[in-house]
Protein backbone atom coordinates (compact mmCIF):
# COMPACT_ATOMS: atom_id res chain seq x y z
CA UNK A 1 -59.25 17.15 -43.15
CA UNK A 2 -58.89 16.71 -39.51
CA UNK A 3 -60.70 18.80 -36.84
CA UNK A 4 -59.31 19.68 -33.45
CA UNK A 5 -61.72 18.46 -31.06
CA UNK A 6 -61.31 17.79 -27.21
CA UNK A 7 -60.51 14.09 -26.85
CA UNK A 8 -63.09 13.35 -24.05
CA UNK A 9 -66.64 15.07 -24.13
CA UNK A 10 -68.81 15.23 -21.13
CA UNK A 11 -72.01 15.47 -22.86
CA UNK A 12 -73.31 15.76 -26.25
CA UNK A 13 -74.16 19.24 -27.40
CA UNK A 14 -76.54 19.73 -30.63
CA UNK A 15 -75.52 23.11 -31.18
CA UNK A 16 -71.63 22.00 -31.57
CA UNK A 17 -72.79 19.16 -33.94
CA UNK A 18 -74.50 21.86 -36.26
CA UNK A 19 -71.45 24.22 -36.28
CA UNK A 20 -68.69 21.76 -36.53
CA UNK A 21 -67.81 21.22 -40.12
CA UNK A 22 -68.25 18.01 -41.88
CA UNK A 23 -65.23 16.29 -43.62
CA UNK A 24 -65.26 15.33 -47.31
CA UNK A 25 -64.41 11.83 -46.35
CA UNK A 26 -66.67 11.39 -43.66
CA UNK A 27 -64.23 9.89 -41.58
CA UNK A 28 -62.27 11.67 -38.59
CA UNK A 29 -59.74 10.31 -36.31
CA UNK A 30 -59.34 10.31 -32.63
CA UNK A 31 -56.18 9.45 -30.84
CA UNK A 32 -56.53 7.73 -27.53
CA UNK A 33 -53.40 7.95 -25.18
CA UNK A 34 -52.52 6.21 -21.86
CA UNK A 35 -49.70 6.24 -19.38
CA UNK A 36 -47.59 3.51 -18.83
CA UNK A 37 -44.94 2.81 -16.24
CA UNK A 38 -41.34 3.08 -17.42
CA UNK A 39 -38.86 1.04 -14.99
CA UNK A 40 -35.40 1.80 -15.34
CA UNK A 41 -32.31 2.11 -12.83
CA UNK A 42 -29.14 4.34 -12.84
CA UNK A 43 -26.01 3.32 -11.05
CA UNK A 44 -25.09 6.44 -8.81
CA UNK A 45 -21.73 6.52 -6.65
CA UNK A 46 -23.13 6.98 -3.18
CA UNK A 47 -19.59 7.21 -1.62
CA UNK A 48 -16.34 5.45 -1.38
CA UNK A 49 -14.06 3.73 1.34
CA UNK A 50 -10.44 4.34 1.68
CA UNK A 51 -8.49 1.89 3.20
CA UNK A 52 -4.99 2.11 4.38
CA UNK A 53 -2.81 1.70 7.07
CA UNK A 54 -0.40 3.67 9.59
CA UNK A 55 2.21 2.74 12.14
CA UNK A 56 1.76 3.45 15.67
CA UNK A 57 4.54 3.25 18.40
CA UNK A 58 4.61 2.57 22.01
CA UNK A 59 7.40 2.25 24.27
CA UNK A 60 7.69 -1.26 25.81
CA UNK A 61 9.77 -2.03 28.98
CA UNK A 62 11.39 -5.36 29.52
CA UNK A 63 13.00 -6.86 32.67
CA UNK A 64 15.53 -9.49 31.98
CA UNK A 65 17.99 -11.05 34.73
CA UNK A 66 21.67 -10.88 33.86
CA UNK A 67 24.60 -12.38 35.51
CA UNK A 68 28.15 -10.78 35.95
CA UNK A 69 31.10 -12.40 37.26
CA UNK A 70 33.16 -10.53 39.74
CA UNK A 71 36.72 -11.41 41.33
CA UNK A 72 36.67 -11.19 44.97
CA UNK A 73 40.10 -10.83 46.74
CA UNK A 74 39.63 -11.77 50.33
CA UNK A 75 42.72 -11.64 52.63
CA UNK A 76 42.54 -13.44 55.68
CA UNK A 77 45.27 -12.48 58.36
CA UNK A 78 46.87 -15.49 59.91
CA UNK A 79 48.27 -15.87 63.51
CA UNK A 80 51.83 -15.18 63.99
CA UNK A 81 52.37 -19.06 65.17
CA UNK A 82 51.92 -20.32 61.67
CA UNK A 83 55.19 -21.49 60.05
CA UNK A 84 55.61 -21.99 56.43
CA UNK A 85 57.38 -25.33 56.33
CA UNK A 86 55.07 -26.91 53.91
CA UNK A 87 56.27 -25.24 50.92
CA UNK A 88 60.04 -25.24 50.06
CA UNK A 89 59.22 -22.86 46.95
CA UNK A 90 58.04 -19.92 49.01
CA UNK A 91 59.04 -16.52 47.50
CA UNK A 92 58.91 -17.69 43.99
CA UNK A 93 58.02 -14.80 41.60
CA UNK A 94 56.54 -17.33 39.01
CA UNK A 95 53.31 -18.11 40.51
CA UNK A 96 50.17 -16.72 38.77
CA UNK A 97 46.66 -17.57 39.00
CA UNK A 98 44.54 -17.12 36.10
CA UNK A 99 40.77 -16.93 36.51
CA UNK A 100 38.38 -16.07 33.41
CA UNK A 101 35.28 -13.48 34.29
CA UNK A 102 32.04 -13.88 32.35
CA UNK A 103 29.00 -11.67 32.12
CA UNK A 104 25.59 -11.78 30.53
CA UNK A 105 25.02 -9.03 28.01
CA UNK A 106 21.70 -8.39 26.65
CA UNK A 107 21.11 -8.82 23.14
CA UNK A 108 17.80 -6.87 22.59
CA UNK A 109 16.56 -6.59 18.92
CA UNK A 110 13.29 -6.21 16.88
CA UNK A 111 11.80 -8.47 14.37
CA UNK A 112 8.60 -7.85 12.43
CA UNK A 113 5.89 -10.44 12.58
CA UNK A 114 2.33 -11.00 10.62
CA UNK A 115 -0.08 -10.00 13.49
CA UNK A 116 -3.15 -10.28 11.10
CA UNK A 117 -4.53 -10.11 7.53
CA UNK A 118 -7.14 -7.89 6.45
CA UNK A 119 -9.26 -8.96 3.63
CA UNK A 120 -10.99 -6.20 1.74
CA UNK A 121 -14.08 -6.99 -0.88
CA UNK A 122 -17.36 -5.62 -2.05
CA UNK A 123 -20.45 -7.47 -1.80
CA UNK A 124 -23.69 -7.10 -3.69
CA UNK A 125 -27.01 -7.34 -2.32
CA UNK A 126 -30.32 -7.26 -3.96
CA UNK A 127 -33.56 -6.00 -2.52
CA UNK A 128 -36.97 -5.18 -4.38
CA UNK A 129 -38.72 -1.76 -3.97
CA UNK A 130 -42.42 -1.32 -4.62
CA UNK A 131 -43.34 1.64 -6.53
CA UNK A 132 -46.85 2.98 -6.90
CA UNK A 133 -47.93 5.58 -9.74
CA UNK A 134 -51.20 6.79 -10.94
CA UNK A 135 -51.30 6.18 -14.81
CA UNK A 136 -53.96 7.86 -16.92
CA UNK A 137 -55.44 6.33 -20.06
CA UNK A 138 -58.06 7.87 -22.42
CA UNK A 139 -61.09 6.14 -23.34
CA UNK A 140 -63.75 6.81 -25.74
CA UNK A 141 -67.24 8.41 -24.53
CA UNK A 142 -69.99 7.90 -27.10
CA UNK A 143 -73.11 9.94 -26.58
CA UNK A 144 -75.89 9.32 -28.99
CA UNK A 145 -79.05 10.77 -29.79
CA UNK A 146 -81.83 8.81 -31.25
CA UNK A 147 -80.90 5.41 -32.72
CA UNK A 148 -77.93 5.63 -34.68
CA UNK A 149 -76.29 2.43 -36.07
CA UNK A 150 -72.84 2.21 -34.61
CA UNK A 151 -70.41 -0.72 -35.48
CA UNK A 152 -67.87 -1.08 -32.87
CA UNK A 153 -64.62 -3.03 -34.74
CA UNK A 154 -62.64 -3.25 -32.00
CA UNK A 155 -61.83 -6.37 -29.61
CA UNK A 156 -62.47 -4.65 -26.59
CA UNK A 157 -66.07 -4.49 -25.27
CA UNK A 158 -67.28 -1.00 -25.33
CA UNK A 159 -70.21 0.35 -23.37
CA UNK A 160 -72.82 2.53 -25.06
CA UNK A 161 -74.33 5.20 -22.88
CA UNK A 162 -78.01 6.25 -23.87
């Protein structure tokens, strides 16, 4: 038979000892408890990063010199004194001068070039945290009156208060 008694007694009360029922087996059990720190960790999402890209446009101006050829017809009046005796084939309709005319035309187009590569990765760092907590432990308090013989079978050293 087990009796509900407080786990820790401050002082020995003789009246309490007289009113306390005695078990038939002369044996009682007191449970001693202690607190221990349990260390665990949870993985908690603290946020996220979304990395994308967008296109920006800007107007760019370029200056480029180009060349254009043109035909210049220049008439030079002569004096009335010049006689055309050198050319016996004057007044023929077959005489034609051909000149090719060229000009530069701008050839402007766009091409895509790799500007930069972006590497995205996660890195894991470790740090040590220090935690401090008050832990409780129950110990036996043995109060004696007179000279009873006490046999303590535990490996721990108990101090008897008299």
